[in-house]
Amino acid sequence: MISEGTLKIAIIDDNPYPRSIVASFFKKKGIDEITEFSSPDHIKDEEYIFLELDFDSKMNGKKAIEFIKDNDLKKCIVVAFPGEEKIVEKAIDNGAVDFLMKPISEDSFERIYKKFFSK
């Protein structure tokens, strides 16, 4: 587990609403060094990346999987809609460490939080 003082998180989704949901869950836990992007082009040194698998013409499921495979994303947690299980499976096979399904519930976030962020 990573110390909360040094934790850097990026949330990447073309829709600001899902980004705000994930960010608010982290803020409730006292973690607020969170960056939100509408594209993965701006990722720098974040330790954890929450990456929407399918949005706009620049990043669809297949391109997201290639992006995960080709970049050192540290810990990538993919975010997908029900019905995209095969894409999630391929993302995990190519380096993603876990997933969240939309709509993101507090319970599903808690599972991720306990697995990667709690001490």
PDB file of N, CA and C in Angstrom:
ATOM      1  N   MET A   1       0.826  -1.175   0.000  1.00  0.00           N
ATOM      2  CA  MET A   1       0.000   0.000   0.000  1.00  0.00           C
ATOM      3  C   MET A   1       0.874   1.244   0.000  1.00  0.00           C
ATOM      4  N   ILE A   2       0.347   2.286  -0.563  1.00  0.00           N
ATOM      5  CA  ILE A   2       1.082   3.533  -0.694  1.00  0.00           C
ATOM      6  C   ILE A   2       0.650   4.497   0.398  1.00  0.00           C
ATOM      7  N   SER A   3       1.599   5.230   0.935  1.00  0.00           N
ATOM      8  CA  SER A   3       1.290   6.259   1.916  1.00  0.00           C
ATOM      9  C   SER A   3       0.392   7.307   1.280  1.00  0.00           C
ATOM     10  N   GLU A   4      -0.659   7.707   1.994  1.00  0.00           N
ATOM     11  CA  GLU A   4      -1.606   8.667   1.440  1.00  0.00           C
ATOM     12  C   GLU A   4      -0.951  10.002   1.128  1.00  0.00           C
ATOM     13  N   GLY A   5       0.127  10.356   1.833  1.00  0.00           N
ATOM     14  CA  GLY A   5       0.785  11.628   1.600  1.00  0.00           C
ATOM     15  C   GLY A   5       1.450  11.721   0.243  1.00  0.00           C
ATOM     16  N   THR A   6       1.819  10.592  -0.354  1.00  0.00           N
ATOM     17  CA  THR A   6       2.514  10.612  -1.633  1.00  0.00           C
ATOM     18  C   THR A   6       1.670  10.093  -2.793  1.00  0.00           C
ATOM     19  N   LEU A   7       0.455   9.760  -2.515  1.00  0.00           N
ATOM     20  CA  LEU A   7      -0.410   9.142  -3.507  1.00  0.00           C
ATOM     21  C   LEU A   7      -0.833  10.131  -4.590  1.00  0.00           C
ATOM     22  N   LYS A   8      -0.600   9.770  -5.854  1.00  0.00           N
ATOM     23  CA  LYS A   8      -1.040  10.589  -6.986  1.00  0.00           C
ATOM     24  C   LYS A   8      -1.953   9.741  -7.853  1.00  0.00           C
ATOM     25  N   ILE A   9      -3.138  10.283  -8.110  1.00  0.00           N
ATOM     26  CA  ILE A   9      -4.163   9.538  -8.833  1.00  0.00           C
ATOM     27  C   ILE A   9      -4.633  10.359 -10.022  1.00  0.00           C
ATOM     28  N   ALA A  10      -4.793   9.702 -11.169  1.00  0.00           N
ATOM     29  CA  ALA A  10      -5.381  10.342 -12.348  1.00  0.00           C
ATOM     30  C   ALA A  10      -6.672   9.612 -12.701  1.00  0.00           C
ATOM     31  N   ILE A  11      -7.681  10.397 -13.016  1.00  0.00           N
ATOM     32  CA  ILE A  11      -8.962   9.845 -13.452  1.00  0.00           C
ATOM     33  C   ILE A  11      -9.176  10.338 -14.878  1.00  0.00           C
ATOM     34  N   ILE A  12      -9.302   9.403 -15.814  1.00  0.00           N
ATOM     35  CA  ILE A  12      -9.396   9.757 -17.229  1.00  0.00           C
ATOM     36  C   ILE A  12     -10.728   9.264 -17.792  1.00  0.00           C
ATOM     37  N   ASP A  13     -11.537  10.216 -18.182  1.00  0.00           N
ATOM     38  CA  ASP A  13     -12.852   9.920 -18.759  1.00  0.00           C
ATOM     39  C   ASP A  13     -13.273  11.171 -19.523  1.00  0.00           C
ATOM     40  N   ASP A  14     -13.913  11.012 -20.653  1.00  0.00           N
ATOM     41  CA  ASP A  14     -14.342  12.189 -21.414  1.00  0.00           C
ATOM     42  C   ASP A  14     -15.541  12.879 -20.781  1.00  0.00           C
ATOM     43  N   ASN A  15     -16.201  12.209 -19.851  1.00  0.00           N
ATOM     44  CA  ASN A  15     -17.360  12.775 -19.171  1.00  0.00           C
ATOM     45  C   ASN A  15     -16.938  13.215 -17.765  1.00  0.00           C
ATOM     46  N   PRO A  16     -17.113  14.495 -17.429  1.00  0.00           N
ATOM     47  CA  PRO A  16     -16.678  14.962 -16.112  1.00  0.00           C
ATOM     48  C   PRO A  16     -17.464  14.362 -14.937  1.00  0.00           C
ATOM     49  N   TYR A  17     -18.694  13.940 -15.168  1.00  0.00           N
ATOM     50  CA  TYR A  17     -19.491  13.408 -14.063  1.00  0.00           C
ATOM     51  C   TYR A  17     -18.879  12.143 -13.449  1.00  0.00           C
ATOM     52  N   PRO A  18     -18.536  11.105 -14.236  1.00  0.00           N
ATOM     53  CA  PRO A  18     -17.912   9.923 -13.620  1.00  0.00           C
ATOM     54  C   PRO A  18     -16.570  10.255 -12.955  1.00  0.00           C
ATOM     55  N   ARG A  19     -15.832  11.186 -13.543  1.00  0.00           N
ATOM     56  CA  ARG A  19     -14.569  11.600 -12.910  1.00  0.00           C
ATOM     57  C   ARG A  19     -14.852  12.181 -11.530  1.00  0.00           C
ATOM     58  N   SER A  20     -15.884  13.001 -11.435  1.00  0.00           N
ATOM     59  CA  SER A  20     -16.203  13.631 -10.149  1.00  0.00           C
ATOM     60  C   SER A  20     -16.664  12.606  -9.119  1.00  0.00           C
ATOM     61  N   ILE A  21     -17.332  11.559  -9.564  1.00  0.00           N
ATOM     62  CA  ILE A  21     -17.783  10.496  -8.650  1.00  0.00           C
ATOM     63  C   ILE A  21     -16.566   9.820  -8.015  1.00  0.00           C
ATOM     64  N   VAL A  22     -15.606   9.394  -8.832  1.00  0.00           N
ATOM     65  CA  VAL A  22     -14.407   8.735  -8.310  1.00  0.00           C
ATOM     66  C   VAL A  22     -13.637   9.702  -7.413  1.00  0.00           C
ATOM     67  N   ALA A  23     -13.471  10.936  -7.853  1.00  0.00           N
ATOM     68  CA  ALA A  23     -12.745  11.933  -7.056  1.00  0.00           C
ATOM     69  C   ALA A  23     -13.421  12.137  -5.702  1.00  0.00           C
ATOM     70  N   SER A  24     -14.754  12.191  -5.684  1.00  0.00           N
ATOM     71  CA  SER A  24     -15.456  12.415  -4.408  1.00  0.00           C
ATOM     72  C   SER A  24     -15.268  11.239  -3.457  1.00  0.00           C
ATOM     73  N   PHE A  25     -15.232  10.015  -3.975  1.00  0.00           N
ATOM     74  CA  PHE A  25     -14.975   8.860  -3.113  1.00  0.00           C
ATOM     75  C   PHE A  25     -13.597   8.993  -2.460  1.00  0.00           C
ATOM     76  N   PHE A  26     -12.586   9.371  -3.247  1.00  0.00           N
ATOM     77  CA  PHE A  26     -11.245   9.548  -2.686  1.00  0.00           C
ATOM     78  C   PHE A  26     -11.206  10.683  -1.668  1.00  0.00           C
ATOM     79  N   LYS A  27     -11.875  11.770  -1.959  1.00  0.00           N
ATOM     80  CA  LYS A  27     -11.886  12.912  -1.034  1.00  0.00           C
ATOM     81  C   LYS A  27     -12.515  12.531   0.299  1.00  0.00           C
ATOM     82  N   LYS A  28     -13.532  11.674   0.265  1.00  0.00           N
ATOM     83  CA  LYS A  28     -14.131  11.185   1.506  1.00  0.00           C
ATOM     84  C   LYS A  28     -13.119  10.406   2.344  1.00  0.00           C
ATOM     85  N   LYS A  29     -12.126   9.824   1.667  1.00  0.00           N
ATOM     86  CA  LYS A  29     -11.084   9.052   2.357  1.00  0.00           C
ATOM     87  C   LYS A  29      -9.893   9.931   2.742  1.00  0.00           C
ATOM     88  N   GLY A  30      -9.977  11.218   2.437  1.00  0.00           N
ATOM     89  CA  GLY A  30      -8.896  12.132   2.796  1.00  0.00           C
ATOM     90  C   GLY A  30      -7.778  12.211   1.774  1.00  0.00           C
ATOM     91  N   ILE A  31      -8.013  11.705   0.582  1.00  0.00           N
ATOM     92  CA  ILE A  31      -7.008  11.747  -0.486  1.00  0.00           C
ATOM     93  C   ILE A  31      -7.471  12.781  -1.504  1.00  0.00           C
ATOM     94  N   ASP A  32      -6.680  13.843  -1.674  1.00  0.00           N
ATOM     95  CA  ASP A  32      -7.129  14.821  -2.653  1.00  0.00           C
ATOM     96  C   ASP A  32      -6.083  15.246  -3.667  1.00  0.00           C
ATOM     97  N   GLU A  33      -5.014  14.515  -3.815  1.00  0.00           N
ATOM     98  CA  GLU A  33      -4.086  14.793  -4.907  1.00  0.00           C
ATOM     99  C   GLU A  33      -4.536  13.969  -6.120  1.00  0.00           C
ATOM    100  N   ILE A  34      -5.594  14.483  -6.737  1.00  0.00           N
ATOM    101  CA  ILE A  34      -6.249  13.787  -7.837  1.00  0.00           C
ATOM    102  C   ILE A  34      -6.280  14.719  -9.040  1.00  0.00           C
ATOM    103  N   THR A  35      -5.874  14.194 -10.174  1.00  0.00           N
ATOM    104  CA  THR A  35      -5.982  14.975 -11.403  1.00  0.00           C
ATOM    105  C   THR A  35      -7.025  14.306 -12.279  1.00  0.00           C
ATOM    106  N   GLU A  36      -7.796  15.126 -12.962  1.00  0.00           N
ATOM    107  CA  GLU A  36      -8.839  14.626 -13.850  1.00  0.00           C
ATOM    108  C   GLU A  36      -8.514  15.070 -15.267  1.00  0.00           C
ATOM    109  N   PHE A  37      -8.568  14.118 -16.196  1.00  0.00           N
ATOM    110  CA  PHE A  37      -8.276  14.398 -17.593  1.00  0.00           C
ATOM    111  C   PHE A  37      -9.382  13.841 -18.480  1.00  0.00           C
ATOM    112  N   SER A  38      -9.587  14.497 -19.614  1.00  0.00           N
ATOM    113  CA  SER A  38     -10.533  13.969 -20.589  1.00  0.00           C
ATOM    114  C   SER A  38      -9.816  13.125 -21.637  1.00  0.00           C
ATOM    115  N   SER A  39      -8.496  13.003 -21.497  1.00  0.00           N
ATOM    116  CA  SER A  39      -7.683  12.226 -22.439  1.00  0.00           C
ATOM    117  C   SER A  39      -6.463  11.678 -21.693  1.00  0.00           C
ATOM    118  N   PRO A  40      -5.955  10.530 -22.089  1.00  0.00           N
ATOM    119  CA  PRO A  40      -4.769   9.977 -21.427  1.00  0.00           C
ATOM    120  C   PRO A  40      -3.464  10.679 -21.842  1.00  0.00           C
ATOM    121  N   ASP A  41      -3.555  11.634 -22.746  1.00  0.00           N
ATOM    122  CA  ASP A  41      -2.349  12.305 -23.245  1.00  0.00           C
ATOM    123  C   ASP A  41      -1.589  13.071 -22.167  1.00  0.00           C
ATOM    124  N   HIS A  42      -2.251  13.400 -21.070  1.00  0.00           N
ATOM    125  CA  HIS A  42      -1.640  14.257 -20.054  1.00  0.00           C
ATOM    126  C   HIS A  42      -1.081  13.498 -18.853  1.00  0.00           C
ATOM    127  N   ILE A  43      -1.129  12.186 -18.866  1.00  0.00           N
ATOM    128  CA  ILE A  43      -0.610  11.399 -17.746  1.00  0.00           C
ATOM    129  C   ILE A  43       0.880  11.688 -17.592  1.00  0.00           C
ATOM    130  N   LYS A  44       1.284  11.894 -16.342  1.00  0.00           N
ATOM    131  CA  LYS A  44       2.701  12.156 -16.072  1.00  0.00           C
ATOM    132  C   LYS A  44       3.247  11.131 -15.091  1.00  0.00           C
ATOM    133  N   ASP A  45       3.170  11.437 -13.827  1.00  0.00           N
ATOM    134  CA  ASP A  45       3.795  10.575 -12.826  1.00  0.00           C
ATOM    135  C   ASP A  45       2.811  10.021 -11.804  1.00  0.00           C
ATOM    136  N   GLU A  46       1.560   9.927 -12.176  1.00  0.00           N
ATOM    137  CA  GLU A  46       0.564   9.394 -11.255  1.00  0.00           C
ATOM    138  C   GLU A  46       0.807   7.902 -11.018  1.00  0.00           C
ATOM    139  N   GLU A  47       0.657   7.498  -9.756  1.00  0.00           N
ATOM    140  CA  GLU A  47       0.856   6.081  -9.427  1.00  0.00           C
ATOM    141  C   GLU A  47      -0.333   5.221  -9.821  1.00  0.00           C
ATOM    142  N   TYR A  48      -1.517   5.784  -9.750  1.00  0.00           N
ATOM    143  CA  TYR A  48      -2.725   5.034 -10.070  1.00  0.00           C
ATOM    144  C   TYR A  48      -3.515   5.785 -11.128  1.00  0.00           C
ATOM    145  N   ILE A  49      -3.992   5.044 -12.115  1.00  0.00           N
ATOM    146  CA  ILE A  49      -4.761   5.617 -13.212  1.00  0.00           C
ATOM    147  C   ILE A  49      -6.111   4.910 -13.266  1.00  0.00           C
ATOM    148  N   PHE A  50      -7.186   5.688 -13.240  1.00  0.00           N
ATOM    149  CA  PHE A  50      -8.527   5.160 -13.478  1.00  0.00           C
ATOM    150  C   PHE A  50      -8.864   5.546 -14.911  1.00  0.00           C
ATOM    151  N   LEU A  51      -8.923   4.563 -15.804  1.00  0.00           N
ATOM    152  CA  LEU A  51      -9.053   4.819 -17.234  1.00  0.00           C
ATOM    153  C   LEU A  51     -10.367   4.277 -17.784  1.00  0.00           C
ATOM    154  N   GLU A  52     -11.208   5.188 -18.256  1.00  0.00           N
ATOM    155  CA  GLU A  52     -12.432   4.797 -18.959  1.00  0.00           C
ATOM    156  C   GLU A  52     -12.007   4.076 -20.232  1.00  0.00           C
ATOM    157  N   LEU A  53     -12.601   2.946 -20.500  1.00  0.00           N
ATOM    158  CA  LEU A  53     -12.166   2.135 -21.638  1.00  0.00           C
ATOM    159  C   LEU A  53     -12.715   2.572 -22.993  1.00  0.00           C
ATOM    160  N   ASP A  54     -13.783   3.295 -23.011  1.00  0.00           N
ATOM    161  CA  ASP A  54     -14.388   3.559 -24.310  1.00  0.00           C
ATOM    162  C   ASP A  54     -15.001   4.953 -24.349  1.00  0.00           C
ATOM    163  N   PHE A  55     -14.276   5.879 -24.977  1.00  0.00           N
ATOM    164  CA  PHE A  55     -14.835   7.202 -25.181  1.00  0.00           C
ATOM    165  C   PHE A  55     -14.210   7.857 -26.391  1.00  0.00           C
ATOM    166  N   ASP A  56     -14.877   8.743 -26.979  1.00  0.00           N
ATOM    167  CA  ASP A  56     -14.553   9.507 -28.183  1.00  0.00           C
ATOM    168  C   ASP A  56     -13.732   8.718 -29.206  1.00  0.00           C
ATOM    169  N   SER A  57     -13.393   9.343 -30.275  1.00  0.00           N
ATOM    170  CA  SER A  57     -12.695   8.645 -31.363  1.00  0.00           C
ATOM    171  C   SER A  57     -11.231   8.381 -31.049  1.00  0.00           C
ATOM    172  N   LYS A  58     -10.694   9.080 -30.052  1.00  0.00           N
ATOM    173  CA  LYS A  58      -9.274   8.898 -29.721  1.00  0.00           C
ATOM    174  C   LYS A  58      -9.035   7.678 -28.846  1.00  0.00           C
ATOM    175  N   MET A  59     -10.011   7.277 -28.050  1.00  0.00           N
ATOM    176  CA  MET A  59      -9.783   6.177 -27.120  1.00  0.00           C
ATOM    177  C   MET A  59     -11.000   5.275 -27.089  1.00  0.00           C
ATOM    178  N   ASN A  60     -10.922   4.183 -27.825  1.00  0.00           N
ATOM    179  CA  ASN A  60     -11.959   3.174 -27.712  1.00  0.00           C
ATOM    180  C   ASN A  60     -11.361   1.979 -26.982  1.00  0.00           C
ATOM    181  N   GLY A  61     -12.120   0.948 -26.773  1.00  0.00           N
ATOM    182  CA  GLY A  61     -11.630  -0.189 -26.006  1.00  0.00           C
ATOM    183  C   GLY A  61     -10.317  -0.750 -26.522  1.00  0.00           C
ATOM    184  N   LYS A  62     -10.235  -0.976 -27.824  1.00  0.00           N
ATOM    185  CA  LYS A  62      -9.020  -1.543 -28.408  1.00  0.00           C
ATOM    186  C   LYS A  62      -7.830  -0.601 -28.226  1.00  0.00           C
ATOM    187  N   LYS A  63      -8.033   0.689 -28.453  1.00  0.00           N
ATOM    188  CA  LYS A  63      -6.948   1.662 -28.287  1.00  0.00           C
ATOM    189  C   LYS A  63      -6.546   1.785 -26.821  1.00  0.00           C
ATOM    190  N   ALA A  64      -7.503   1.681 -25.913  1.00  0.00           N
ATOM    191  CA  ALA A  64      -7.186   1.740 -24.485  1.00  0.00           C
ATOM    192  C   ALA A  64      -6.308   0.563 -24.086  1.00  0.00           C
ATOM    193  N   ILE A  65      -6.634  -0.613 -24.589  1.00  0.00           N
ATOM    194  CA  ILE A  65      -5.830  -1.799 -24.283  1.00  0.00           C
ATOM    195  C   ILE A  65      -4.411  -1.618 -24.815  1.00  0.00           C
ATOM    196  N   GLU A  66      -4.282  -1.125 -26.038  1.00  0.00           N
ATOM    197  CA  GLU A  66      -2.948  -0.858 -26.596  1.00  0.00           C
ATOM    198  C   GLU A  66      -2.212   0.172 -25.753  1.00  0.00           C
ATOM    199  N   PHE A  67      -2.920   1.200 -25.315  1.00  0.00           N
ATOM    200  CA  PHE A  67      -2.318   2.242 -24.488  1.00  0.00           C
ATOM    201  C   PHE A  67      -1.798   1.656 -23.174  1.00  0.00           C
ATOM    202  N   ILE A  68      -2.596   0.822 -22.533  1.00  0.00           N
ATOM    203  CA  ILE A  68      -2.190   0.186 -21.277  1.00  0.00           C
ATOM    204  C   ILE A  68      -0.963  -0.679 -21.508  1.00  0.00           C
ATOM    205  N   LYS A  69      -0.989  -1.448 -22.591  1.00  0.00           N
ATOM    206  CA  LYS A  69       0.108  -2.362 -22.905  1.00  0.00           C
ATOM    207  C   LYS A  69       1.397  -1.614 -23.221  1.00  0.00           C
ATOM    208  N   ASP A  70       1.289  -0.482 -23.927  1.00  0.00           N
ATOM    209  CA  ASP A  70       2.468   0.239 -24.409  1.00  0.00           C
ATOM    210  C   ASP A  70       3.044   1.256 -23.431  1.00  0.00           C
ATOM    211  N   ASN A  71       2.328   1.585 -22.370  1.00  0.00           N
ATOM    212  CA  ASN A  71       2.780   2.619 -21.439  1.00  0.00           C
ATOM    213  C   ASN A  71       2.954   2.052 -20.047  1.00  0.00           C
ATOM    214  N   ASP A  72       3.919   2.593 -19.342  1.00  0.00           N
ATOM    215  CA  ASP A  72       4.146   2.194 -17.961  1.00  0.00           C
ATOM    216  C   ASP A  72       3.174   2.958 -17.084  1.00  0.00           C
ATOM    217  N   LEU A  73       1.975   2.422 -16.924  1.00  0.00           N
ATOM    218  CA  LEU A  73       0.928   3.138 -16.202  1.00  0.00           C
ATOM    219  C   LEU A  73       0.931   2.865 -14.711  1.00  0.00           C
ATOM    220  N   LYS A  74       1.933   2.175 -14.217  1.00  0.00           N
ATOM    221  CA  LYS A  74       1.968   1.801 -12.814  1.00  0.00           C
ATOM    222  C   LYS A  74       0.750   0.922 -12.523  1.00  0.00           C
ATOM    223  N   LYS A  75      -0.233   1.472 -11.909  1.00  0.00           N
ATOM    224  CA  LYS A  75      -1.435   0.709 -11.566  1.00  0.00           C
ATOM    225  C   LYS A  75      -2.608   1.304 -12.335  1.00  0.00           C
ATOM    226  N   CYS A  76      -3.124   0.562 -13.284  1.00  0.00           N
ATOM    227  CA  CYS A  76      -4.247   1.040 -14.095  1.00  0.00           C
ATOM    228  C   CYS A  76      -5.499   0.258 -13.721  1.00  0.00           C
ATOM    229  N   ILE A  77      -6.516   1.003 -13.310  1.00  0.00           N
ATOM    230  CA  ILE A  77      -7.814   0.424 -12.998  1.00  0.00           C
ATOM    231  C   ILE A  77      -8.759   0.908 -14.095  1.00  0.00           C
ATOM    232  N   VAL A  78      -9.291  -0.030 -14.859  1.00  0.00           N
ATOM    233  CA  VAL A  78     -10.143   0.355 -15.971  1.00  0.00           C
ATOM    234  C   VAL A  78     -11.587   0.525 -15.498  1.00  0.00           C
ATOM    235  N   VAL A  79     -12.277   1.433 -16.172  1.00  0.00           N
ATOM    236  CA  VAL A  79     -13.675   1.724 -15.864  1.00  0.00           C
ATOM    237  C   VAL A  79     -14.479   1.423 -17.120  1.00  0.00           C
ATOM    238  N   ALA A  80     -15.521   0.621 -16.968  1.00  0.00           N
ATOM    239  CA  ALA A  80     -16.267   0.166 -18.141  1.00  0.00           C
ATOM    240  C   ALA A  80     -17.762   0.084 -17.815  1.00  0.00           C
ATOM    241  N   PHE A  81     -18.528  -0.085 -18.860  1.00  0.00           N
ATOM    242  CA  PHE A  81     -19.971  -0.289 -18.720  1.00  0.00           C
ATOM    243  C   PHE A  81     -20.269  -1.783 -18.715  1.00  0.00           C
ATOM    244  N   PRO A  82     -21.367  -2.202 -18.067  1.00  0.00           N
ATOM    245  CA  PRO A  82     -21.791  -3.590 -18.188  1.00  0.00           C
ATOM    246  C   PRO A  82     -21.926  -3.942 -19.678  1.00  0.00           C
ATOM    247  N   GLY A  83     -21.501  -5.126 -20.022  1.00  0.00           N
ATOM    248  CA  GLY A  83     -21.502  -5.544 -21.420  1.00  0.00           C
ATOM    249  C   GLY A  83     -20.118  -5.441 -22.041  1.00  0.00           C
ATOM    250  N   GLU A  84     -19.195  -4.765 -21.360  1.00  0.00           N
ATOM    251  CA  GLU A  84     -17.821  -4.617 -21.870  1.00  0.00           C
ATOM    252  C   GLU A  84     -16.849  -5.558 -21.149  1.00  0.00           C
ATOM    253  N   GLU A  85     -17.369  -6.652 -20.620  1.00  0.00           N
ATOM    254  CA  GLU A  85     -16.541  -7.567 -19.836  1.00  0.00           C
ATOM    255  C   GLU A  85     -15.362  -8.128 -20.620  1.00  0.00           C
ATOM    256  N   LYS A  86     -15.577  -8.422 -21.903  1.00  0.00           N
ATOM    257  CA  LYS A  86     -14.476  -8.963 -22.717  1.00  0.00           C
ATOM    258  C   LYS A  86     -13.358  -7.930 -22.881  1.00  0.00           C
ATOM    259  N   ILE A  87     -13.723  -6.667 -23.030  1.00  0.00           N
ATOM    260  CA  ILE A  87     -12.717  -5.609 -23.129  1.00  0.00           C
ATOM    261  C   ILE A  87     -11.975  -5.476 -21.804  1.00  0.00           C
ATOM    262  N   VAL A  88     -12.699  -5.558 -20.690  1.00  0.00           N
ATOM    263  CA  VAL A  88     -12.077  -5.492 -19.370  1.00  0.00           C
ATOM    264  C   VAL A  88     -11.087  -6.634 -19.208  1.00  0.00           C
ATOM    265  N   GLU A  89     -11.498  -7.826 -19.603  1.00  0.00           N
ATOM    266  CA  GLU A  89     -10.633  -9.007 -19.513  1.00  0.00           C
ATOM    267  C   GLU A  89      -9.346  -8.801 -20.313  1.00  0.00           C
ATOM    268  N   LYS A  90      -9.459  -8.275 -21.531  1.00  0.00           N
ATOM    269  CA  LYS A  90      -8.281  -8.014 -22.360  1.00  0.00           C
ATOM    270  C   LYS A  90      -7.399  -6.942 -21.737  1.00  0.00           C
ATOM    271  N   ALA A  91      -8.016  -5.920 -21.146  1.00  0.00           N
ATOM    272  CA  ALA A  91      -7.241  -4.862 -20.491  1.00  0.00           C
ATOM    273  C   ALA A  91      -6.433  -5.443 -19.330  1.00  0.00           C
ATOM    274  N   ILE A  92      -7.049  -6.308 -18.550  1.00  0.00           N
ATOM    275  CA  ILE A  92      -6.340  -6.936 -17.422  1.00  0.00           C
ATOM    276  C   ILE A  92      -5.240  -7.849 -17.938  1.00  0.00           C
ATOM    277  N   ASP A  93      -5.499  -8.588 -19.005  1.00  0.00           N
ATOM    278  CA  ASP A  93      -4.469  -9.435 -19.604  1.00  0.00           C
ATOM    279  C   ASP A  93      -3.273  -8.612 -20.092  1.00  0.00           C
ATOM    280  N   ASN A  94      -3.513  -7.335 -20.401  1.00  0.00           N
ATOM    281  CA  ASN A  94      -2.456  -6.476 -20.932  1.00  0.00           C
ATOM    282  C   ASN A  94      -1.891  -5.495 -19.914  1.00  0.00           C
ATOM    283  N   GLY A  95      -2.186  -5.692 -18.635  1.00  0.00           N
ATOM    284  CA  GLY A  95      -1.521  -4.894 -17.622  1.00  0.00           C
ATOM    285  C   GLY A  95      -2.393  -4.121 -16.659  1.00  0.00           C
ATOM    286  N   ALA A  96      -3.685  -3.981 -16.925  1.00  0.00           N
ATOM    287  CA  ALA A  96      -4.548  -3.318 -15.944  1.00  0.00           C
ATOM    288  C   ALA A  96      -4.613  -4.206 -14.699  1.00  0.00           C
ATOM    289  N   VAL A  97      -4.742  -3.578 -13.532  1.00  0.00           N
ATOM    290  CA  VAL A  97      -4.714  -4.359 -12.291  1.00  0.00           C
ATOM    291  C   VAL A  97      -6.100  -4.682 -11.742  1.00  0.00           C
ATOM    292  N   ASP A  98      -7.126  -3.950 -12.183  1.00  0.00           N
ATOM    293  CA  ASP A  98      -8.479  -4.212 -11.704  1.00  0.00           C
ATOM    294  C   ASP A  98      -9.454  -3.379 -12.523  1.00  0.00           C
ATOM    295  N   PHE A  99     -10.727  -3.394 -12.132  1.00  0.00           N
ATOM    296  CA  PHE A  99     -11.743  -2.673 -12.900  1.00  0.00           C
ATOM    297  C   PHE A  99     -12.852  -2.173 -11.983  1.00  0.00           C
ATOM    298  N   LEU A 100     -13.566  -1.191 -12.474  1.00  0.00           N
ATOM    299  CA  LEU A 100     -14.815  -0.704 -11.888  1.00  0.00           C
ATOM    300  C   LEU A 100     -15.852  -0.696 -12.996  1.00  0.00           C
ATOM    301  N   MET A 101     -17.072  -1.085 -12.673  1.00  0.00           N
ATOM    302  CA  MET A 101     -18.164  -1.015 -13.633  1.00  0.00           C
ATOM    303  C   MET A 101     -19.015   0.211 -13.334  1.00  0.00           C
ATOM    304  N   LYS A 102     -19.470   0.855 -14.411  1.00  0.00           N
ATOM    305  CA  LYS A 102     -20.390   1.977 -14.269  1.00  0.00           C
ATOM    306  C   LYS A 102     -21.807   1.447 -14.167  1.00  0.00           C
ATOM    307  N   PRO A 103     -22.699   2.078 -13.470  1.00  0.00           N
ATOM    308  CA  PRO A 103     -22.431   3.244 -12.643  1.00  0.00           C
ATOM    309  C   PRO A 103     -21.609   2.821 -11.422  1.00  0.00           C
ATOM    310  N   ILE A 104     -20.653   3.654 -11.048  1.00  0.00           N
ATOM    311  CA  ILE A 104     -19.730   3.317  -9.965  1.00  0.00           C
ATOM    312  C   ILE A 104     -20.449   3.513  -8.632  1.00  0.00           C
ATOM    313  N   SER A 105     -20.523   2.432  -7.881  1.00  0.00           N
ATOM    314  CA  SER A 105     -21.186   2.489  -6.579  1.00  0.00           C
ATOM    315  C   SER A 105     -20.139   2.651  -5.481  1.00  0.00           C
ATOM    316  N   GLU A 106     -20.596   3.080  -4.345  1.00  0.00           N
ATOM    317  CA  GLU A 106     -19.687   3.218  -3.201  1.00  0.00           C
ATOM    318  C   GLU A 106     -19.112   1.854  -2.823  1.00  0.00           C
ATOM    319  N   ASP A 107     -19.911   0.790  -2.917  1.00  0.00           N
ATOM    320  CA  ASP A 107     -19.426  -0.555  -2.591  1.00  0.00           C
ATOM    321  C   ASP A 107     -18.308  -1.000  -3.524  1.00  0.00           C
ATOM    322  N   SER A 108     -18.476  -0.760  -4.828  1.00  0.00           N
ATOM    323  CA  SER A 108     -17.428  -1.184  -5.766  1.00  0.00           C
ATOM    324  C   SER A 108     -16.169  -0.344  -5.575  1.00  0.00           C
ATOM    325  N   PHE A 109     -16.337   0.957  -5.288  1.00  0.00           N
ATOM    326  CA  PHE A 109     -15.161   1.782  -5.003  1.00  0.00           C
ATOM    327  C   PHE A 109     -14.469   1.286  -3.739  1.00  0.00           C
ATOM    328  N   GLU A 110     -15.250   0.934  -2.732  1.00  0.00           N
ATOM    329  CA  GLU A 110     -14.681   0.462  -1.461  1.00  0.00           C
ATOM    330  C   GLU A 110     -13.836  -0.796  -1.673  1.00  0.00           C
ATOM    331  N   ARG A 111     -14.279  -1.669  -2.555  1.00  0.00           N
ATOM    332  CA  ARG A 111     -13.505  -2.877  -2.872  1.00  0.00           C
ATOM    333  C   ARG A 111     -12.135  -2.496  -3.433  1.00  0.00           C
ATOM    334  N   ILE A 112     -12.119  -1.558  -4.361  1.00  0.00           N
ATOM    335  CA  ILE A 112     -10.860  -1.094  -4.955  1.00  0.00           C
ATOM    336  C   ILE A 112     -10.009  -0.392  -3.895  1.00  0.00           C
ATOM    337  N   TYR A 113     -10.632   0.448  -3.106  1.00  0.00           N
ATOM    338  CA  TYR A 113      -9.902   1.198  -2.073  1.00  0.00           C
ATOM    339  C   TYR A 113      -9.215   0.232  -1.099  1.00  0.00           C
ATOM    340  N   LYS A 114      -9.961  -0.749  -0.619  1.00  0.00           N
ATOM    341  CA  LYS A 114      -9.369  -1.702   0.327  1.00  0.00           C
ATOM    342  C   LYS A 114      -8.234  -2.502  -0.302  1.00  0.00           C
ATOM    343  N   LYS A 115      -8.390  -2.850  -1.555  1.00  0.00           N
ATOM    344  CA  LYS A 115      -7.377  -3.664  -2.238  1.00  0.00           C
ATOM    345  C   LYS A 115      -6.085  -2.900  -2.480  1.00  0.00           C
ATOM    346  N   PHE A 116      -6.174  -1.617  -2.846  1.00  0.00           N
ATOM    347  CA  PHE A 116      -4.984  -0.884  -3.267  1.00  0.00           C
ATOM    348  C   PHE A 116      -4.568   0.273  -2.351  1.00  0.00           C
ATOM    349  N   PHE A 117      -5.482   0.843  -1.588  1.00  0.00           N
ATOM    350  CA  PHE A 117      -5.170   2.104  -0.922  1.00  0.00           C
ATOM    351  C   PHE A 117      -5.216   2.078   0.588  1.00  0.00           C
ATOM    352  N   SER A 118      -5.853   1.110   1.198  1.00  0.00           N
ATOM    353  CA  SER A 118      -5.935   1.122   2.663  1.00  0.00           C
ATOM    354  C   SER A 118      -4.672   0.517   3.257  1.00  0.00           C
ATOM    355  N   LYS A 119      -4.382   0.949   4.453  1.00  0.00           N
ATOM    356  CA  LYS A 119      -3.149   0.489   5.135  1.00  0.00           C
ATOM    357  C   LYS A 119      -3.373  -0.818   5.839  1.00  0.00           C
TER     358      LYS A 119
END
